[in-house]
Protein backbone atom coordinates (compact mmCIF):
# COMPACT_ATOMS: atom_id res chain seq x y z
CA MET A 1 -14.48 -12.75 26.60
CA THR A 2 -11.16 -13.03 24.72
CA LYS A 3 -8.38 -11.31 26.69
CA ILE A 4 -5.75 -9.31 24.90
CA GLY A 5 -2.62 -10.10 26.87
CA ALA A 6 0.80 -8.44 26.72
CA ARG A 7 2.11 -10.91 24.13
CA LYS A 8 -0.84 -10.41 21.83
CA TRP A 9 -0.57 -6.60 22.14
CA PHE A 10 3.10 -6.89 21.20
CA VAL A 11 2.15 -8.93 18.11
CA PHE A 12 -0.51 -6.39 17.12
CA VAL A 13 1.88 -3.43 17.43
CA LEU A 14 4.94 -5.04 15.93
CA ILE A 15 3.26 -6.67 12.91
CA GLY A 16 0.88 -3.73 12.43
CA LEU A 17 3.59 -1.04 12.51
CA VAL A 18 6.21 -2.84 10.45
CA GLY A 19 3.63 -3.67 7.86
CA GLN A 20 2.71 -0.04 7.62
CA PHE A 21 6.35 0.83 7.04
CA ALA A 22 6.24 -1.21 3.85
CA TRP A 23 2.88 0.20 2.77
CA THR A 24 4.11 3.76 3.36
CA LEU A 25 7.07 3.01 1.04
CA GLU A 26 4.77 1.50 -1.53
CA ASN A 27 2.24 4.34 -1.44
CA MET A 28 4.50 7.37 -1.04
CA TYR A 29 8.01 6.48 -2.33
CA PHE A 30 7.87 3.89 -5.11
CA ASN A 31 6.40 6.43 -7.50
CA VAL A 32 9.14 8.94 -6.60
CA PHE A 33 11.77 6.30 -7.01
CA LEU A 34 10.39 5.30 -10.44
CA TYR A 35 10.25 8.92 -11.61
CA ASN A 36 13.64 10.04 -10.25
CA THR A 37 15.73 7.00 -11.20
CA ILE A 38 14.08 5.23 -14.12
CA SER A 39 11.78 7.31 -16.26
CA GLN A 40 9.96 10.66 -16.13
CA ASP A 41 7.11 9.24 -18.16
CA THR A 42 4.27 9.49 -15.63
CA SER A 43 2.20 6.84 -17.52
CA TYR A 44 4.41 4.23 -15.83
CA ILE A 45 3.33 5.59 -12.44
CA ALA A 46 -0.31 5.41 -13.36
CA THR A 47 0.15 1.81 -14.57
CA MET A 48 1.91 0.90 -11.33
CA VAL A 49 -0.73 2.39 -9.09
CA ALA A 50 -3.59 0.71 -10.98
CA ALA A 51 -1.84 -2.68 -11.18
CA SER A 52 -1.04 -2.57 -7.48
CA ALA A 53 -4.58 -1.72 -6.45
CA ILE A 54 -6.00 -4.58 -8.53
CA THR A 55 -3.31 -6.99 -7.19
CA ALA A 56 -4.05 -6.05 -3.61
CA THR A 57 -7.79 -6.62 -3.86
CA LEU A 58 -7.56 -9.90 -5.81
CA THR A 59 -4.84 -11.20 -3.50
CA THR A 60 -6.81 -10.41 -0.34
CA LEU A 61 -9.85 -12.16 -1.74
CA LEU A 62 -7.92 -15.27 -2.76
CA MET A 63 -5.52 -15.64 0.22
CA GLY A 64 -8.18 -14.71 2.82
CA VAL A 65 -10.37 -17.52 1.55
CA LEU A 66 -7.39 -19.89 1.37
CA SER A 67 -6.44 -19.14 5.02
CA ASP A 68 -9.98 -19.94 6.03
CA ARG A 69 -9.87 -23.08 3.95
CA ILE A 70 -6.80 -24.54 5.65
CA GLY A 71 -7.64 -23.07 9.05
CA LYS A 72 -4.37 -21.27 9.64
CA ARG A 73 -3.16 -17.69 9.68
CA LYS A 74 0.42 -17.95 10.97
CA PRO A 75 2.13 -19.40 7.83
CA PHE A 76 0.58 -16.61 5.68
CA ILE A 77 1.73 -13.91 8.11
CA CYS A 78 5.26 -15.16 8.78
CA GLY A 79 6.11 -16.38 5.30
CA GLY A 80 4.47 -13.39 3.71
CA TYR A 81 6.43 -10.88 5.81
CA ILE A 82 9.76 -12.66 5.11
CA ILE A 83 9.25 -12.54 1.29
CA TRP A 84 7.59 -9.11 1.42
CA GLY A 85 10.70 -7.70 3.09
CA ILE A 86 13.08 -9.35 0.63
CA ILE A 87 11.29 -7.87 -2.35
CA THR A 88 11.09 -4.45 -0.72
CA GLY A 89 14.82 -4.54 -0.06
CA LEU A 90 15.56 -5.38 -3.66
CA PHE A 91 13.92 -2.25 -5.09
CA GLY A 92 17.00 -0.04 -4.70
CA PHE A 93 18.92 -2.39 -6.99
CA ILE A 94 16.56 -1.86 -9.92
CA THR A 95 18.41 0.59 -12.20
CA VAL A 96 18.49 1.04 -15.93
CA GLU A 97 22.17 -0.01 -15.87
CA ASN A 98 21.51 -3.17 -13.92
CA ILE A 99 18.51 -4.21 -16.09
CA THR A 100 20.38 -3.63 -19.32
CA THR A 101 23.27 -5.73 -17.96
CA LEU A 102 20.94 -8.59 -17.02
CA PHE A 103 18.78 -8.56 -20.09
CA ALA A 104 20.24 -8.09 -23.59
CA GLY A 105 18.33 -5.46 -25.54
CA ALA A 106 16.64 -4.09 -22.44
CA THR A 107 15.69 -0.37 -22.44
CA VAL A 108 14.41 2.25 -20.02
CA ALA A 109 10.87 0.94 -20.65
CA THR A 110 12.06 -2.51 -19.57
CA ALA A 111 13.41 -1.11 -16.34
CA ALA A 112 10.21 0.82 -15.67
CA MET A 113 8.09 -2.26 -16.23
CA MET A 114 10.36 -4.21 -13.93
CA VAL A 115 9.56 -1.78 -11.17
CA VAL A 116 5.80 -2.23 -11.91
CA ILE A 117 6.17 -5.99 -11.82
CA MET A 118 8.20 -5.89 -8.59
CA ASP A 119 5.60 -3.62 -7.06
CA CYS A 120 2.88 -6.15 -7.87
CA LEU A 121 4.94 -8.99 -6.41
CA MET A 122 5.57 -6.91 -3.29
CA THR A 123 1.87 -6.14 -3.06
CA PHE A 124 0.94 -9.81 -3.50
CA PHE A 125 2.97 -10.92 -0.49
CA GLY A 126 2.10 -7.80 1.52
CA SER A 127 -1.60 -8.25 0.96
CA THR A 128 -1.32 -11.92 1.71
CA ALA A 129 0.45 -11.31 5.01
CA ASN A 130 -1.13 -8.09 6.19
CA ASP A 131 -4.47 -7.43 4.46
CA ALA A 132 -5.68 -11.00 4.36
CA ALA A 133 -4.02 -13.07 7.12
CA PHE A 134 -3.07 -10.50 9.84
CA ASN A 135 -6.43 -8.71 9.65
CA ALA A 136 -8.23 -12.05 9.86
CA TYR A 137 -5.98 -12.97 12.83
CA VAL A 138 -6.93 -9.82 14.68
CA THR A 139 -10.63 -10.57 14.12
CA ASP A 140 -10.08 -14.19 15.32
CA THR A 141 -8.27 -13.18 18.50
CA THR A 142 -10.50 -10.33 19.71
CA ASP A 143 -14.20 -10.10 20.53
CA THR A 144 -16.93 -7.50 20.88
CA SER A 145 -15.64 -6.46 24.31
CA ASN A 146 -12.22 -5.31 23.18
CA ARG A 147 -12.21 -4.75 19.42
CA GLY A 148 -12.66 -1.01 19.87
CA LYS A 149 -9.46 -0.91 21.93
CA ALA A 150 -7.54 -3.08 19.48
CA GLU A 151 -8.75 -1.13 16.51
CA SER A 152 -7.90 2.26 18.07
CA VAL A 153 -4.31 1.07 18.39
CA LEU A 154 -4.03 -0.45 14.91
CA ALA A 155 -5.61 2.68 13.35
CA ILE A 156 -2.66 4.86 14.47
CA MET A 157 -0.04 2.61 12.83
CA PRO A 158 -0.14 4.39 9.40
CA LEU A 159 0.45 7.69 11.15
CA VAL A 160 3.22 6.46 13.34
CA SER A 161 4.83 4.91 10.26
CA MET A 162 4.71 8.23 8.38
CA LEU A 163 6.15 10.11 11.39
CA ILE A 164 9.10 7.71 11.75
CA ILE A 165 9.88 7.60 8.06
CA PHE A 166 9.44 11.32 7.48
CA GLY A 167 11.35 12.24 10.64
CA LEU A 168 14.25 9.78 10.53
CA PHE A 169 14.71 8.34 7.07
CA ALA A 170 13.26 10.65 4.39
CA GLY A 171 16.70 12.25 4.09
CA LEU A 172 18.05 8.99 2.53
CA ALA A 173 15.39 9.14 -0.17
CA ASP A 174 15.87 12.88 -0.73
CA ALA A 175 19.59 12.31 -1.20
CA GLY A 176 18.94 9.49 -3.66
CA ASN A 177 20.32 6.76 -1.41
CA TRP A 178 17.61 4.39 -2.43
CA LYS A 179 19.56 1.15 -1.82
CA LEU A 180 20.01 1.83 1.85
CA PHE A 181 16.56 3.32 2.20
CA PHE A 182 14.81 0.27 0.84
CA LEU A 183 17.20 -2.18 2.54
CA ILE A 184 16.56 -0.76 6.01
CA PHE A 185 12.83 -1.29 5.77
CA GLY A 186 13.00 -4.50 3.73
CA THR A 187 15.24 -5.97 6.41
CA ALA A 188 12.89 -4.81 9.16
CA VAL A 189 9.92 -6.50 7.46
CA THR A 190 11.84 -9.75 6.90
CA ILE A 191 13.15 -9.82 10.49
CA THR A 192 9.60 -9.28 11.76
CA GLY A 193 8.44 -12.29 9.71
CA ILE A 194 11.15 -14.45 11.32
CA ILE A 195 10.41 -13.18 14.85
CA SER A 196 6.73 -13.86 14.25
CA ILE A 197 7.47 -17.57 13.74
CA PHE A 198 8.28 -17.76 17.47
CA LEU A 199 5.95 -15.03 18.66
CA ILE A 200 2.57 -15.78 17.11
CA LYS A 201 0.23 -18.40 18.46
CA ASP A 202 -1.96 -19.28 15.49
CA SER A 203 -5.64 -18.50 16.00
CA ARG A 204 -6.49 -21.76 14.12
CA PRO A 205 -9.98 -20.87 12.86
CA GLU A 206 -12.23 -23.81 11.99
CA LYS A 207 -11.41 -25.12 8.49
CA GLN A 208 -13.95 -24.06 5.94
CA LYS A 209 -15.15 -26.45 3.26
CA GLY A 210 -15.61 -25.56 -0.38
CA GLY A 211 -13.36 -24.74 -3.29
CA ILE A 212 -13.25 -21.98 -5.83
CA LYS A 213 -16.85 -20.99 -5.10
CA ASN A 214 -15.63 -19.51 -1.79
CA LEU A 215 -14.06 -16.66 -3.75
CA LEU A 216 -17.50 -15.51 -4.66
CA TYR A 217 -18.95 -16.19 -1.24
CA GLY A 218 -19.20 -12.56 -0.15
CA PHE A 219 -20.83 -11.47 -3.38
CA THR A 220 -23.77 -13.87 -3.37
CA PRO A 221 -27.25 -12.34 -2.64
CA SER A 222 -28.07 -14.92 0.03
CA VAL A 223 -24.87 -14.12 1.98
CA ILE A 224 -25.47 -10.40 1.62
CA LYS A 225 -29.03 -10.80 2.91
CA SER A 226 -28.05 -12.97 5.81
CA ASN A 227 -25.25 -10.62 6.81
CA SER A 228 -27.06 -7.39 6.15
CA LYS A 229 -25.61 -5.69 9.20
CA LEU A 230 -22.06 -6.42 8.06
CA TYR A 231 -22.74 -4.92 4.62
CA LEU A 232 -24.36 -1.81 6.17
CA ALA A 233 -21.20 -1.46 8.25
CA LEU A 234 -19.07 -1.91 5.14
CA CYS A 235 -21.09 0.76 3.33
CA SER A 236 -20.45 3.16 6.22
CA LEU A 237 -16.76 2.35 6.15
CA GLY A 238 -16.70 2.76 2.37
CA ILE A 239 -18.40 6.19 2.34
CA PHE A 240 -16.09 7.37 5.16
CA SER A 241 -13.12 6.15 3.23
CA ILE A 242 -14.26 8.02 0.10
CA ALA A 243 -14.58 11.20 2.17
CA VAL A 244 -11.01 10.78 3.40
CA GLN A 245 -9.69 10.31 -0.19
CA VAL A 246 -11.44 13.57 -1.25
CA PHE A 247 -8.85 15.62 0.71
CA PHE A 248 -6.06 13.40 1.95
CA PRO A 249 -4.12 13.03 -1.33
CA TYR A 250 -4.00 16.86 -1.48
CA LEU A 251 -3.29 17.58 2.19
CA ILE A 252 0.45 18.22 2.03
CA ILE A 253 0.14 19.92 -1.34
CA TYR A 254 -2.54 22.24 0.11
CA MET A 255 -0.25 23.25 2.95
CA GLU A 256 2.80 23.82 0.71
CA HIS A 257 1.25 25.48 -2.28
CA THR A 258 -2.00 27.03 -1.09
CA LEU A 259 -1.22 28.03 2.53
CA LYS A 260 2.50 28.32 1.64
CA ILE A 261 3.72 26.99 5.04
CA ASP A 262 6.24 24.38 6.09
CA TYR A 263 3.94 21.44 6.82
CA THR A 264 6.46 19.37 8.82
CA LEU A 265 5.87 20.84 12.30
CA ALA A 266 2.16 21.50 11.85
CA LEU A 267 1.36 18.06 10.37
CA GLY A 268 3.68 16.25 12.78
CA SER A 269 2.01 17.75 15.86
CA VAL A 270 -1.44 17.03 14.40
CA LEU A 271 -0.60 13.39 13.77
CA ILE A 272 0.90 12.91 17.29
CA PHE A 273 -2.13 14.49 18.93
CA ALA A 274 -4.59 12.43 16.82
CA SER A 275 -2.69 9.24 17.62
CA LEU A 276 -2.85 9.90 21.33
CA VAL A 277 -6.62 10.54 21.11
CA SER A 278 -7.12 7.31 19.22
CA VAL A 279 -5.21 5.20 21.75
CA LEU A 280 -7.01 6.82 24.75
CA SER A 281 -10.40 6.39 23.11
CA GLY A 282 -10.17 2.62 22.70
CA ARG A 283 -11.59 1.66 26.10
CA ILE A 284 -14.34 4.37 25.67
CA ILE A 285 -15.35 2.93 22.31
CA ASP A 286 -15.87 -0.52 23.82
CA LYS A 287 -17.68 0.86 26.91
CA VAL A 288 -20.05 3.25 25.10
CA GLY A 289 -20.63 0.94 22.14
CA LYS A 290 -19.07 1.23 18.72
CA LEU A 291 -22.21 2.20 16.86
CA LYS A 292 -23.21 4.89 19.34
CA PHE A 293 -19.63 6.21 19.37
CA SER A 294 -19.42 6.44 15.59
CA VAL A 295 -22.11 9.10 15.26
CA PRO A 296 -20.48 11.84 17.37
CA ALA A 297 -17.07 10.83 15.97
CA ILE A 298 -18.35 11.59 12.49
CA PHE A 299 -19.52 15.03 13.56
CA ILE A 300 -16.16 15.73 15.24
CA MET A 301 -14.35 14.90 11.98
CA ALA A 302 -16.89 17.01 9.98
CA LEU A 303 -16.24 19.91 12.33
CA GLY A 304 -12.53 19.64 11.75
CA LEU A 305 -13.03 19.51 8.00
CA VAL A 306 -15.15 22.70 8.13
CA ALA A 307 -12.47 24.35 10.30
CA MET A 308 -9.84 23.43 7.74
CA PHE A 309 -11.84 25.35 5.13
CA PHE A 310 -11.60 28.50 7.24
CA VAL A 311 -7.77 28.19 7.79
CA ALA A 312 -6.00 31.36 6.64
CA ARG A 313 -9.30 33.21 6.59
CA VAL A 314 -8.68 34.46 10.12
CA ASP A 315 -6.09 37.30 10.25
CA PHE A 316 -5.19 37.45 13.96
CA ILE A 317 -4.01 33.81 14.36
CA ALA A 318 -0.92 32.49 12.65
CA VAL A 319 -1.72 30.11 9.80
CA GLU A 320 0.42 27.38 11.26
CA LEU A 321 -1.49 27.50 14.58
CA GLN A 322 -4.81 27.45 12.70
CA VAL A 323 -3.72 24.33 10.84
CA MET A 324 -2.68 22.72 14.09
CA ILE A 325 -6.01 23.43 15.76
CA ALA A 326 -8.33 22.59 12.84
CA GLY A 327 -6.10 19.63 11.78
CA ALA A 328 -6.06 18.20 15.29
CA VAL A 329 -9.90 18.15 15.37
CA MET A 330 -10.10 16.73 11.83
CA MET A 331 -7.51 13.98 12.24
CA SER A 332 -8.70 13.11 15.77
CA GLY A 333 -12.18 12.65 14.32
CA TYR A 334 -10.70 10.64 11.46
CA MET A 335 -8.95 8.28 13.92
CA LEU A 336 -12.08 7.84 16.06
CA VAL A 337 -14.29 7.07 13.09
CA SER A 338 -11.75 4.71 11.60
CA ALA A 339 -11.32 2.84 14.90
CA ALA A 340 -15.07 2.58 15.64
CA LEU A 341 -16.19 1.53 12.14
CA GLY A 342 -13.27 -0.87 11.77
CA ALA A 343 -14.29 -2.59 15.00
CA VAL A 344 -17.98 -2.67 13.93
CA VAL A 345 -16.98 -4.49 10.71
CA ARG A 346 -15.03 -7.06 12.76
CA ASP A 347 -17.98 -7.51 15.12
CA TYR A 348 -20.38 -8.38 12.32
CA THR A 349 -17.92 -10.64 10.48
CA PRO A 350 -19.28 -14.24 10.81
CA ASP A 351 -17.20 -16.63 12.95
CA GLY A 352 -14.78 -18.63 10.89
CA LYS A 353 -15.25 -16.44 7.86
CA ALA A 354 -12.86 -13.65 8.67
CA GLY A 355 -10.57 -14.59 5.76
CA HIS A 356 -13.53 -14.67 3.35
CA PHE A 357 -14.51 -11.09 4.05
CA GLN A 358 -11.03 -9.45 4.03
CA GLY A 359 -11.18 -9.05 0.24
CA ILE A 360 -14.76 -7.62 0.54
CA ARG A 361 -13.44 -5.18 3.15
CA MET A 362 -10.65 -4.14 0.74
CA ILE A 363 -13.16 -3.34 -1.93
CA PHE A 364 -15.09 -0.99 0.39
CA ALA A 365 -12.25 0.47 2.32
CA VAL A 366 -9.48 0.76 -0.33
CA MET A 367 -10.40 0.06 -3.94
CA LEU A 368 -13.70 2.00 -4.37
CA PRO A 369 -12.53 4.99 -2.31
CA MET A 370 -9.25 5.27 -4.20
CA VAL A 371 -10.98 5.33 -7.60
CA THR A 372 -13.64 7.80 -6.52
CA GLY A 373 -12.41 10.09 -3.72
CA PRO A 374 -9.36 11.70 -5.42
CA TYR A 375 -11.46 12.40 -8.55
CA ILE A 376 -14.12 14.12 -6.49
CA GLY A 377 -11.38 16.25 -4.92
CA SER A 378 -9.85 17.02 -8.30
CA LEU A 379 -13.30 18.04 -9.71
CA VAL A 380 -13.89 20.35 -6.74
CA ILE A 381 -10.47 21.93 -7.23
CA LYS A 382 -11.20 22.56 -10.89
CA LEU A 383 -14.62 24.09 -10.13
CA THR A 384 -13.45 26.36 -7.27
CA SER A 385 -10.03 27.46 -8.45
CA SER A 386 -10.20 31.13 -9.45
CA THR A 387 -6.45 31.96 -9.55
CA GLY A 388 -5.38 29.37 -12.12
CA GLU A 389 -2.27 28.78 -10.01
CA THR A 390 -0.47 25.50 -10.70
CA TYR A 391 2.33 23.32 -9.42
CA GLU A 392 4.37 20.56 -10.97
CA GLU A 393 4.39 17.08 -9.53
CA LEU A 394 6.33 14.20 -11.13
CA GLY A 395 6.49 16.11 -14.39
CA SER A 396 2.77 16.80 -14.52
CA VAL A 397 1.27 20.29 -14.18
CA LYS A 398 -1.58 20.39 -11.72
CA GLU A 399 -3.88 22.98 -10.23
CA VAL A 400 -3.30 24.17 -6.68
CA PRO A 401 -5.90 22.67 -4.23
CA THR A 402 -8.49 24.97 -2.75
CA GLY A 403 -10.06 24.86 0.74
CA TRP A 404 -13.33 23.70 -0.78
CA ILE A 405 -12.06 20.11 -0.84
CA TYR A 406 -12.58 20.03 2.89
CA LEU A 407 -16.21 21.08 2.61
CA ALA A 408 -16.74 18.54 -0.11
CA ALA A 409 -15.16 15.86 2.14
CA ALA A 410 -17.47 16.94 5.02
CA ALA A 411 -20.51 16.60 2.73
CA VAL A 412 -19.48 13.06 1.70
CA LEU A 413 -18.69 12.19 5.25
CA ILE A 414 -22.21 13.13 6.49
CA LEU A 415 -23.56 10.53 4.04
CA THR A 416 -21.89 7.94 6.20
CA LEU A 417 -24.75 8.41 8.58
CA ILE A 418 -27.31 6.94 6.15
CA PRO A 419 -26.19 3.29 6.38
CA LEU A 420 -24.99 3.80 9.90
CA ILE A 421 -28.39 4.94 11.21
CA ALA A 422 -30.04 2.11 9.27
CA LEU A 423 -27.64 -0.26 11.05
CA ILE A 424 -28.39 1.28 14.45
CA LYS A 425 -32.15 0.93 13.84
CA LYS A 426 -31.77 -2.62 12.72
CA GLU A 427 -29.72 -3.50 15.74
CA LYS A 428 -32.29 -1.81 18.02
CA ASN A 429 -35.25 -3.58 16.39
CA GLU A 430 -33.64 -6.99 16.78
CA LYS A 431 -33.01 -6.35 20.47
CA GLU A 432 -36.50 -5.18 21.23
CA PRO A 433 -38.95 -7.87 22.48
CA ILE A 434 -41.73 -8.84 20.11
CA HIS A 435 -45.26 -8.21 21.51
CA GLU A 436 -48.07 -10.26 20.14
C-alpha cells in the first residue's frame, strides 16, 4: 500500500490547483483577450482553439513517453511550470502597438497570430508539466487502495479554480486590465514551479527502453488487446466526457439567455456543494470499489441532467432555487463519475507506463469529446429551438440554448454503461475460479 502523506497531499493540491488556474485562463479568457484587444475576426479564435487542442494532445503523447524513457517526472513538472508561468504572464503585453513596434510591417493579423503562437507555446509547457508529467506522477505515487480518494480531490480543482478566478479576479479582465490579470496567475504558476523543486520527491519510475516507436505504443493492436480493461475504462471516460461537452459549453449561456437569471450565486453554490461531495466521497469510492461506485454515480448525474431539463417548468419554486437543486445533483454526479472513472483508468495503467498512456488518455478525455460533444449540443439546440431567439458572442450570432441539451447529455451519458458493464463482467470473470 502506498501511503499519501501530508507532504504528498500538499503537492497534489498545490500543483493541481495552480495548474488549473492556468488552464482556466487558457480555456475561458484567452479568446476574450484576443477578441477584445487584438481582432474581432472570430476565425482567429477558431484557429487558436484548434491549434491548442492539437498541441496539447501531441505534447502529452511525446513528453509522457519521454518522461518514461528517462525515468523522471520532477524535471518536467518543475521546469514546465516555471516556463508555463512566464509565458502566461507575457500575454498581457501582446498588443497591436507592441507587435508593430517590434516587427516592421506587422499588422493586426500579425498580432493575432502571435497570440495563437504564444497560446501553443503555453499549451506545450502546460501539457508537458501537467497533463503528461504531473498526471503520471500521481499514478506513480498512488495505488488501488487510495486512488479514488486522490482523484476525488484532484477532480474538484477545475471548479475551485473557476470559483477563485470568477470571484476574486474576473473584475480585472472585465476592466481590461489584462497585464495585471495575466501577471498574477503567471507569477503564481512560476513560483509553484520553483517551490516544487524543493517540495517534490521524484517518483523515479523504471526507465523504459525504446525510441520513437514508444510514441505509437498505445495504438498498437497487441497493446490494446493485452490492456483491454484499460481501453474499456478509457472508452467509458471518453463517452462520459462527450456527455459533459454536450451541455457544459452552454451552461452559463443557458442560465443567462434562456432562464434569464444571474448565474453567479446559483452556479457558485452548485460548484461549492459538488466540490464538497467529491472530497467526502473519496474514501467511499476506495472502500466500495471504483467500478461498483461508477454505476450509481452515472445515474445520479443522469437524474440531475433530467432535473435541469425541467427547470423553469415548475411555477411554485423560484427558478434560481430550481437551478441550485437540479444543478447540485447534476454536478455532484459529474464529480463522482469523474473521480471514479479517473481512478479506474489509473488502476489499469501498466506499471512503468504511466507516461506512455497520458497522451492516450488525452485523446479519450479531451480531444474526442471536444470535437464531438459541443456539436451534438449545437445540433440539439437547432432542432429544438422554436423561438428563433439569438444572442451575440464574440461577434458571432448564435441560437439560445434549450433545455433539451440536458436530455441529450443524459442519453449520451447512459451509453457510458456499455463499456463499463463489459469491464465489470471482464473483471468478475477473471476473479472467478475456473472449474474443470
